[in-house]
């Protein structure tokens, strides 16, 4: 419930409780851009926005969809974890801040669609997620490093799998060919003619 407003009265008289008419319960029209003079054009425009948000799934809409007109090509914008079971994950948030992520300001034009009525903070929270952004150049650089590290891990594991422990026979693939640390080595075996029973 909203904080009660006390109407002051003259000395010696009790305070008057606010009535429904005293409290402004109406929200500002956040979709004012659709209230065009042509209702047909407004309906078509809104239908396109909804279809873009729904994508292939008709039953469930993406709750964390960010309209394309709010994004900028030079920035990466993502929802990041803020809390788990209502406990703020400050270690994770601090890690994000160290890698260049920053909170999208709640006061930025167009982002009021994500805000509940009476929101006082200058960041955007929704279902335990916070909306963050960082320059695309930094995102591309970090993703490139992560991809290189992932490929290096795969190569290390393939090398480990190709090596036989000391004192054992060399590894072989499913055809019987010897497997070296860098792939298949040794002679190819072929069978000519029918396979004996």
Protein backbone atom coordinates (compact mmCIF):
# COMPACT_ATOMS: atom_id res chain seq x y z
CA UNK A 1 0.00 0.00 0.00
CA UNK A 2 1.24 3.48 -0.73
CA UNK A 3 2.34 5.63 2.19
CA UNK A 4 -0.62 7.40 3.70
CA UNK A 5 -0.89 11.11 3.27
CA UNK A 6 -2.12 12.95 6.34
CA UNK A 7 -4.26 15.97 5.64
CA UNK A 8 -3.57 18.62 8.28
CA UNK A 9 -6.55 20.30 9.85
CA UNK A 10 -6.92 23.16 12.25
CA UNK A 11 -5.58 23.02 15.83
CA UNK A 12 -7.42 20.64 18.11
CA UNK A 13 -8.97 18.68 15.23
CA UNK A 14 -7.87 15.10 14.41
CA UNK A 15 -6.02 14.43 11.17
CA UNK A 16 -8.19 13.50 8.23
CA UNK A 17 -7.41 10.19 6.53
CA UNK A 18 -6.83 10.42 2.78
CA UNK A 19 -9.61 9.33 0.45
CA UNK A 20 -9.32 7.58 -2.90
CA UNK A 21 -9.65 10.95 -4.64
CA UNK A 22 -6.63 12.33 -2.75
CA UNK A 23 -4.22 9.65 -4.05
CA UNK A 24 -3.09 9.57 -7.67
CA UNK A 25 -3.39 5.91 -8.64
CA UNK A 26 -3.07 6.36 -12.39
CA UNK A 27 0.15 5.33 -14.11
CA UNK A 28 1.63 7.43 -16.85
CA UNK A 29 0.90 6.06 -20.29
CA UNK A 30 4.13 4.22 -21.06
CA UNK A 31 3.01 3.27 -24.58
CA UNK A 32 2.22 6.85 -25.63
CA UNK A 33 4.07 6.29 -28.91
CA UNK A 34 1.30 3.90 -30.03
CA UNK A 35 -1.51 6.36 -29.44
CA UNK A 36 -1.22 7.78 -32.92
CA UNK A 37 -3.97 9.48 -34.81
CA UNK A 38 -4.33 6.44 -37.07
CA UNK A 39 -5.45 3.42 -34.98
CA UNK A 40 -4.86 1.05 -37.92
CA UNK A 41 -1.18 2.05 -38.21
CA UNK A 42 -0.78 1.81 -34.42
CA UNK A 43 -2.25 -1.71 -34.42
CA UNK A 44 0.07 -2.86 -37.21
CA UNK A 45 3.12 -1.39 -35.47
CA UNK A 46 2.24 -3.02 -32.12
CA UNK A 47 1.47 -6.38 -33.80
CA UNK A 48 4.95 -6.36 -35.40
CA UNK A 49 6.56 -5.66 -31.99
CA UNK A 50 4.64 -8.53 -30.38
CA UNK A 51 5.49 -10.96 -33.21
CA UNK A 52 9.17 -10.04 -32.93
CA UNK A 53 9.05 -10.74 -29.20
CA UNK A 54 7.18 -14.04 -29.52
CA UNK A 55 9.34 -15.50 -32.27
CA UNK A 56 8.48 -19.16 -32.87
CA UNK A 57 6.87 -19.77 -29.48
CA UNK A 58 3.27 -18.62 -29.34
CA UNK A 59 2.48 -19.94 -25.85
CA UNK A 60 5.36 -18.34 -23.95
CA UNK A 61 6.79 -14.89 -24.53
CA UNK A 62 10.38 -14.05 -23.60
CA UNK A 63 10.07 -12.22 -20.29
CA UNK A 64 13.51 -10.68 -20.75
CA UNK A 65 13.06 -9.52 -24.34
CA UNK A 66 14.75 -6.19 -25.10
CA UNK A 67 13.24 -4.40 -28.13
CA UNK A 68 15.73 -3.74 -30.92
CA UNK A 69 15.03 0.01 -30.87
CA UNK A 70 16.47 0.15 -27.32
CA UNK A 71 19.74 -1.57 -28.31
CA UNK A 72 22.77 0.06 -29.90
CA UNK A 73 25.19 -1.73 -32.23
CA UNK A 74 28.25 -0.55 -30.26
CA UNK A 75 26.98 -2.01 -26.96
CA UNK A 76 26.21 -5.49 -25.66
CA UNK A 77 23.12 -5.52 -23.45
CA UNK A 78 22.25 -8.60 -21.34
CA UNK A 79 20.28 -9.61 -18.27
CA UNK A 80 22.65 -10.82 -15.55
CA UNK A 81 22.00 -12.64 -12.26
CA UNK A 82 21.37 -10.24 -9.36
CA UNK A 83 20.08 -12.62 -6.70
CA UNK A 84 19.44 -16.29 -5.98
CA UNK A 85 16.50 -17.08 -3.70
CA UNK A 86 16.32 -13.36 -2.79
CA UNK A 87 19.96 -13.33 -1.64
CA UNK A 88 21.99 -10.76 -3.56
CA UNK A 89 24.96 -12.35 -5.35
CA UNK A 90 27.40 -9.48 -4.75
CA UNK A 91 30.50 -11.53 -5.62
CA UNK A 92 29.13 -12.31 -9.07
CA UNK A 93 28.01 -8.69 -9.61
CA UNK A 94 31.45 -7.40 -8.60
CA UNK A 95 33.03 -9.81 -11.09
CA UNK A 96 30.77 -8.44 -13.82
CA UNK A 97 31.69 -4.86 -12.92
CA UNK A 98 35.42 -5.78 -13.10
CA UNK A 99 34.96 -7.16 -16.64
CA UNK A 100 33.35 -3.97 -17.93
CA UNK A 101 29.64 -4.55 -17.33
CA UNK A 102 27.66 -1.60 -15.99
CA UNK A 103 24.04 -1.14 -14.97
CA UNK A 104 21.66 0.24 -17.59
CA UNK A 105 20.26 3.43 -16.01
CA UNK A 106 16.57 3.16 -15.16
CA UNK A 107 16.20 6.80 -16.17
CA UNK A 108 17.22 6.14 -19.80
CA UNK A 109 14.43 6.93 -22.24
CA UNK A 110 12.44 3.90 -23.38
CA UNK A 111 13.45 1.63 -20.49
CA UNK A 112 10.47 2.59 -18.33
CA UNK A 113 8.73 -0.48 -19.81
CA UNK A 114 10.85 -2.62 -17.44
CA UNK A 115 10.11 -0.59 -14.30
CA UNK A 116 7.37 -1.19 -11.74
CA UNK A 117 5.36 1.74 -10.48
CA UNK A 118 7.20 3.82 -7.86
CA UNK A 119 10.67 2.42 -8.70
CA UNK A 120 13.34 4.51 -6.93
CA UNK A 121 16.62 2.79 -7.89
CA UNK A 122 18.76 3.81 -10.88
CA UNK A 123 19.13 0.25 -12.23
CA UNK A 124 16.62 -2.21 -13.68
CA UNK A 125 15.72 -5.43 -11.82
CA UNK A 126 13.35 -8.13 -13.01
CA UNK A 127 12.83 -11.54 -11.38
CA UNK A 128 16.30 -11.66 -9.81
CA UNK A 129 18.03 -10.38 -12.97
CA UNK A 130 19.59 -6.97 -13.58
CA UNK A 131 19.94 -5.32 -17.00
CA UNK A 132 23.61 -4.55 -17.78
CA UNK A 133 25.64 -3.30 -20.73
CA UNK A 134 29.26 -3.01 -21.87
CA UNK A 135 31.01 -1.92 -25.07
CA UNK A 136 30.78 -4.57 -27.80
CA UNK A 137 34.53 -4.31 -28.43
CA UNK A 138 35.22 -5.58 -24.88
CA UNK A 139 32.61 -8.35 -25.21
CA UNK A 140 34.13 -9.52 -28.52
CA UNK A 141 37.65 -9.48 -27.03
CA UNK A 142 36.61 -11.52 -23.96
CA UNK A 143 34.56 -14.01 -26.01
CA UNK A 144 37.53 -14.49 -28.37
CA UNK A 145 39.83 -15.26 -25.41
CA UNK A 146 37.28 -17.70 -23.97
CA UNK A 147 36.98 -19.47 -27.35
CA UNK A 148 40.78 -19.78 -27.62
CA UNK A 149 40.96 -21.24 -24.11
CA UNK A 150 38.15 -23.71 -24.87
CA UNK A 151 39.92 -24.87 -28.04
CA UNK A 152 43.20 -25.25 -26.12
CA UNK A 153 41.43 -27.40 -23.50
CA UNK A 154 40.00 -29.66 -26.24
CA UNK A 155 43.45 -30.02 -27.83
CA UNK A 156 45.05 -30.87 -24.47
CA UNK A 157 42.39 -33.49 -23.79
CA UNK A 158 42.76 -35.01 -27.27
CA UNK A 159 46.49 -35.23 -26.72
CA UNK A 160 45.98 -36.92 -23.34
CA UNK A 161 43.58 -39.43 -24.87
CA UNK A 162 46.04 -40.24 -27.67
CA UNK A 163 48.93 -41.01 -25.33
CA UNK A 164 49.27 -44.44 -23.80
CA UNK A 165 50.57 -44.82 -20.26
CA UNK A 166 54.19 -45.97 -19.97
CA UNK A 167 54.63 -49.74 -20.21
CA UNK A 168 51.41 -50.33 -22.18
CA UNK A 169 50.70 -51.03 -25.82
CA UNK A 170 50.15 -48.02 -28.09
CA UNK A 171 46.59 -46.74 -28.51
CA UNK A 172 44.56 -47.79 -31.56
CA UNK A 173 41.41 -46.43 -33.15
CA UNK A 174 38.32 -48.49 -34.02
CA UNK A 175 39.94 -49.81 -37.22
CA UNK A 176 43.06 -50.98 -35.41
CA UNK A 177 45.34 -48.19 -36.60
CA UNK A 178 47.82 -46.84 -34.10
CA UNK A 179 46.90 -43.43 -32.68
CA UNK A 180 49.72 -41.02 -31.99
CA UNK A 181 49.49 -37.92 -29.85
CA UNK A 182 48.71 -35.88 -32.97
CA UNK A 183 46.34 -38.19 -34.78
CA UNK A 184 46.54 -41.52 -36.57
CA UNK A 185 49.95 -42.99 -37.41
CA UNK A 186 51.13 -46.33 -38.74
CA UNK A 187 50.18 -48.38 -41.74
CA UNK A 188 46.66 -48.66 -43.07
CA UNK A 189 45.13 -52.11 -42.89
CA UNK A 190 42.83 -53.14 -45.70
CA UNK A 191 40.94 -56.35 -46.27
CA UNK A 192 40.63 -57.52 -49.84
CA UNK A 193 38.00 -59.98 -50.86
CA UNK A 194 35.14 -61.37 -48.86
CA UNK A 195 35.31 -61.47 -45.10
CA UNK A 196 35.70 -65.07 -43.85
CA UNK A 197 32.98 -66.44 -41.55
